[in-house]
Amino acid sequence: MSIATVVPARVVQPFNLVRRQTQPQTALVARLTATAVAAYLVACVLPMTSARPTLAPLTALLVLQVTLYRTVRMAVQRIGSVVGGVLIAVLLAKVVGFTWWSLGLAIAAALMLGFALRLGDQVLEVAISAMLILSLPSNFNAADRVVETLIGAGTGLIAGFILSPLRVQPAEEAVQDLSRRMAELLDRMAVGLRGEPSRDQACDWLRRSRELGREIGRVRRALEDAEDSIKLNPRAVGLVHAGVVLSTGLESLEHFQVYLRGLARAIVDGMRAGDPVYGRHGHEAVAAVLDDLADAIRAYGHMVRSEVAGDPDYAEKELTRALAAAGRDRDDVAGILQNLPVDDAVEWALRGALLVHLDQLINQLRVEHRTRQRERWPRRRPSRRRRPADRRPGDRQAGERCLSA
């Protein structure tokens, strides 16, 4: 008996989530610890440092970031903030010494220097360094602080070049996971429409479609990490297209989420007791389209991920097949709705809106749209690699389409 038959799915899924989150955290702890200790040991053997050069490991911890690009940026900011603060403090200490007004002057001058140098989050570090140096005894060697900072920043940079991981695969997984969640919602809606869905059930579909918007924000943050990890990273050769591939793929999913939410809204509006606006047969026909769209959105997520590796052909064929089936089933929906009796103009408008949303969902995943996007990418294609087996979405299209196929 497999473990999947013993452990409930709601238990296995959180366990897998915790495992995936724990692995990168453990790697980050190991990288930070090793880098800090290395910085301390280097500072101990080099001249012009204090007896206990703890500033070197402190700087290394602050400099080393998740990606190499952020590490370089943090190193520059950190060195600039410490050196600037030390120079201001040394100048004031020689001219006026330590007083309450020289302290205030040092803080003001340090903050102005930090903003002038555009040090970002390290602006306060300029003032902190200036205060600490100014308050120390006159025989204190301020150069020690600068040297230890340089050692820590240098160690952090070296560790960044060697240890900074590429974040492309987590971004790929995030995009594919988003497409899977959309497919699951489509499957849920299809199953419900084949039964006798209540208005509360339809409202739950609408709520879930809105929640996908928050998932898009999570995926966008993963893409930002991936793009940062590629910059300046020598191991990113062959992945120069990953950022644009994933970001344009996410953009299409973002549009798809808007249209999916509109479809759920149309289904809610068409719900009424006993005799829905779209009819029983209409619901079943819409369910068939949703099944096809679920297959299509899964294939689209796989295609986007395959594009990073430079081999989207198989996923493209699956997507084309699913969209062709969705188009045929959409025509069946149009025929059924056209033959239904119309009591008032509101019913006619609701049926037209339903078809518009179905058309938008199908059109958003067209392979030819993706092909045109690829033509605008740089000519150099990403190399294949082996893997284990805010522009906001546009406004909704205005107008209604006729009910004829």
Foldseek 3Di string as FASTA:
>chain_A
DDPPVVDDPVVVVVVVVVVVVVVVVVLVVVLLVVLLVVLQVVLCPDPLADVRLNLLSVLLNQLADLALLSSVLRLVLQLVLLVLLLVLLVVLCVPPADDPVSLVVSLVVQLVSSVVVVSDPCSVSNSVNNNVSRPDDPPDDSVNNSVSNVSNSVSNNVSNQVPNDALLVVLLVLLLVLLLLVLVLLLLQLVQLLDQHALVSLVVSLVSLVVSVVSLVVSVVSLVSNVRNLPPHPVCALQPCSSVLSVVLSLLVLQLSVLSSLLSVLQSVQDDPPAGLLGSVLSNLVSQLSNLLSQLSSLSSVLSSVQSQPDNVVSLVSNVVSLVSSVVSLQVSLVSNVPDDDDDVVSQVSSQSNSLSSVSNSVSRDPVVVVVVVVPDDPDGGHHDDDPVPPHHDDDDDDTDHSHD
